[in-house]
Amino acid sequence: MWKKPRVNYAALISIEIESALIITIVITTS
């Protein structure tokens, strides 16, 4: 069994937030 580092979770969360912001900007601008 391998441990999942918390850094990966933080990176995934930040990536999800960035993608969500980009999607919302694209929807509002289009």
PDB file of N, CA and C in Angstrom:
ATOM      1  N   MET A   1       0.845  -1.211   0.000  1.00  0.00           N
ATOM      2  CA  MET A   1       0.000   0.000   0.000  1.00  0.00           C
ATOM      3  C   MET A   1       0.872   1.250   0.000  1.00  0.00           C
ATOM      4  N   TRP A   2       0.538   2.198  -0.815  1.00  0.00           N
ATOM      5  CA  TRP A   2       1.343   3.416  -0.910  1.00  0.00           C
ATOM      6  C   TRP A   2       0.519   4.599  -0.399  1.00  0.00           C
ATOM      7  N   LYS A   3       1.241   5.524   0.225  1.00  0.00           N
ATOM      8  CA  LYS A   3       0.550   6.701   0.795  1.00  0.00           C
ATOM      9  C   LYS A   3       0.366   7.779  -0.267  1.00  0.00           C
ATOM     10  N   LYS A   4      -0.789   8.401  -0.232  1.00  0.00           N
ATOM     11  CA  LYS A   4      -1.034   9.494  -1.177  1.00  0.00           C
ATOM     12  C   LYS A   4      -0.633  10.817  -0.530  1.00  0.00           C
ATOM     13  N   PRO A   5       0.340  11.508  -1.098  1.00  0.00           N
ATOM     14  CA  PRO A   5       0.759  12.789  -0.517  1.00  0.00           C
ATOM     15  C   PRO A   5      -0.324  13.851  -0.647  1.00  0.00           C
ATOM     16  N   ARG A   6      -0.400  14.702   0.371  1.00  0.00           N
ATOM     17  CA  ARG A   6      -1.425  15.752   0.344  1.00  0.00           C
ATOM     18  C   ARG A   6      -1.154  16.782  -0.759  1.00  0.00           C
ATOM     19  N   VAL A   7       0.091  16.889  -1.179  1.00  0.00           N
ATOM     20  CA  VAL A   7       0.427  17.871  -2.213  1.00  0.00           C
ATOM     21  C   VAL A   7      -0.346  17.561  -3.494  1.00  0.00           C
ATOM     22  N   ASN A   8      -0.502  16.281  -3.816  1.00  0.00           N
ATOM     23  CA  ASN A   8      -1.236  15.935  -5.029  1.00  0.00           C
ATOM     24  C   ASN A   8      -2.685  16.416  -4.940  1.00  0.00           C
ATOM     25  N   TYR A   9      -3.292  16.244  -3.759  1.00  0.00           N
ATOM     26  CA  TYR A   9      -4.682  16.702  -3.597  1.00  0.00           C
ATOM     27  C   TYR A   9      -4.758  18.212  -3.813  1.00  0.00           C
ATOM     28  N   ALA A  10      -3.834  18.961  -3.241  1.00  0.00           N
ATOM     29  CA  ALA A  10      -3.847  20.419  -3.388  1.00  0.00           C
ATOM     30  C   ALA A  10      -3.693  20.794  -4.857  1.00  0.00           C
ATOM     31  N   ALA A  11      -2.815  20.098  -5.560  1.00  0.00           N
ATOM     32  CA  ALA A  11      -2.593  20.405  -6.977  1.00  0.00           C
ATOM     33  C   ALA A  11      -3.860  20.100  -7.777  1.00  0.00           C
ATOM     34  N   LEU A  12      -4.480  18.957  -7.488  1.00  0.00           N
ATOM     35  CA  LEU A  12      -5.702  18.605  -8.214  1.00  0.00           C
ATOM     36  C   LEU A  12      -6.799  19.622  -7.952  1.00  0.00           C
ATOM     37  N   ILE A  13      -6.928  20.048  -6.702  1.00  0.00           N
ATOM     38  CA  ILE A  13      -7.962  21.030  -6.364  1.00  0.00           C
ATOM     39  C   ILE A  13      -7.702  22.343  -7.100  1.00  0.00           C
ATOM     40  N   SER A  14      -6.441  22.790  -7.119  1.00  0.00           N
ATOM     41  CA  SER A  14      -6.119  24.049  -7.798  1.00  0.00           C
ATOM     42  C   SER A  14      -6.386  23.932  -9.287  1.00  0.00           C
ATOM     43  N   ILE A  15      -6.063  22.764  -9.865  1.00  0.00           N
ATOM     44  CA  ILE A  15      -6.308  22.565 -11.296  1.00  0.00           C
ATOM     45  C   ILE A  15      -7.809  22.593 -11.573  1.00  0.00           C
ATOM     46  N   GLU A  16      -8.599  21.945 -10.695  1.00  0.00           N
ATOM     47  CA  GLU A  16     -10.051  21.944 -10.897  1.00  0.00           C
ATOM     48  C   GLU A  16     -10.604  23.361 -10.804  1.00  0.00           C
ATOM     49  N   ILE A  17     -10.091  24.153  -9.849  1.00  0.00           N
ATOM     50  CA  ILE A  17     -10.568  25.529  -9.695  1.00  0.00           C
ATOM     51  C   ILE A  17     -10.209  26.342 -10.940  1.00  0.00           C
ATOM     52  N   GLU A  18      -8.976  26.161 -11.433  1.00  0.00           N
ATOM     53  CA  GLU A  18      -8.569  26.919 -12.624  1.00  0.00           C
ATOM     54  C   GLU A  18      -9.424  26.534 -13.819  1.00  0.00           C
ATOM     55  N   SER A  19      -9.656  25.233 -14.007  1.00  0.00           N
ATOM     56  CA  SER A  19     -10.465  24.794 -15.150  1.00  0.00           C
ATOM     57  C   SER A  19     -11.886  25.328 -15.021  1.00  0.00           C
ATOM     58  N   ALA A  20     -12.426  25.328 -13.801  1.00  0.00           N
ATOM     59  CA  ALA A  20     -13.778  25.844 -13.603  1.00  0.00           C
ATOM     60  C   ALA A  20     -13.841  27.326 -13.948  1.00  0.00           C
ATOM     61  N   LEU A  21     -12.820  28.077 -13.528  1.00  0.00           N
ATOM     62  CA  LEU A  21     -12.805  29.510 -13.833  1.00  0.00           C
ATOM     63  C   LEU A  21     -12.716  29.720 -15.337  1.00  0.00           C
ATOM     64  N   ILE A  22     -11.873  28.955 -16.011  1.00  0.00           N
ATOM     65  CA  ILE A  22     -11.737  29.099 -17.464  1.00  0.00           C
ATOM     66  C   ILE A  22     -13.059  28.774 -18.149  1.00  0.00           C
ATOM     67  N   ILE A  23     -13.725  27.705 -17.687  1.00  0.00           N
ATOM     68  CA  ILE A  23     -15.002  27.317 -18.308  1.00  0.00           C
ATOM     69  C   ILE A  23     -16.034  28.423 -18.117  1.00  0.00           C
ATOM     70  N   THR A  24     -16.105  28.972 -16.903  1.00  0.00           N
ATOM     71  CA  THR A  24     -17.088  30.029 -16.655  1.00  0.00           C
ATOM     72  C   THR A  24     -16.771  31.263 -17.494  1.00  0.00           C
ATOM     73  N   ILE A  25     -15.488  31.597 -17.633  1.00  0.00           N
ATOM     74  CA  ILE A  25     -15.117  32.778 -18.437  1.00  0.00           C
ATOM     75  C   ILE A  25     -15.495  32.542 -19.888  1.00  0.00           C
ATOM     76  N   VAL A  26     -15.217  31.355 -20.402  1.00  0.00           N
ATOM     77  CA  VAL A  26     -15.544  31.059 -21.805  1.00  0.00           C
ATOM     78  C   VAL A  26     -17.047  31.129 -22.020  1.00  0.00           C
ATOM     79  N   ILE A  27     -17.825  30.604 -21.071  1.00  0.00           N
ATOM     80  CA  ILE A  27     -19.289  30.611 -21.226  1.00  0.00           C
ATOM     81  C   ILE A  27     -19.821  32.047 -21.196  1.00  0.00           C
ATOM     82  N   THR A  28     -19.279  32.863 -20.295  1.00  0.00           N
ATOM     83  CA  THR A  28     -19.791  34.232 -20.171  1.00  0.00           C
ATOM     84  C   THR A  28     -19.354  35.093 -21.354  1.00  0.00           C
ATOM     85  N   THR A  29     -18.167  34.845 -21.893  1.00  0.00           N
ATOM     86  CA  THR A  29     -17.671  35.679 -22.990  1.00  0.00           C
ATOM     87  C   THR A  29     -18.274  35.256 -24.318  1.00  0.00           C
ATOM     88  N   SER A  30     -18.617  33.974 -24.490  1.00  0.00           N
ATOM     89  CA  SER A  30     -19.128  33.510 -25.785  1.00  0.00           C
ATOM     90  C   SER A  30     -20.541  34.029 -26.032  1.00  0.00           C
TER      91      SER A  30
END
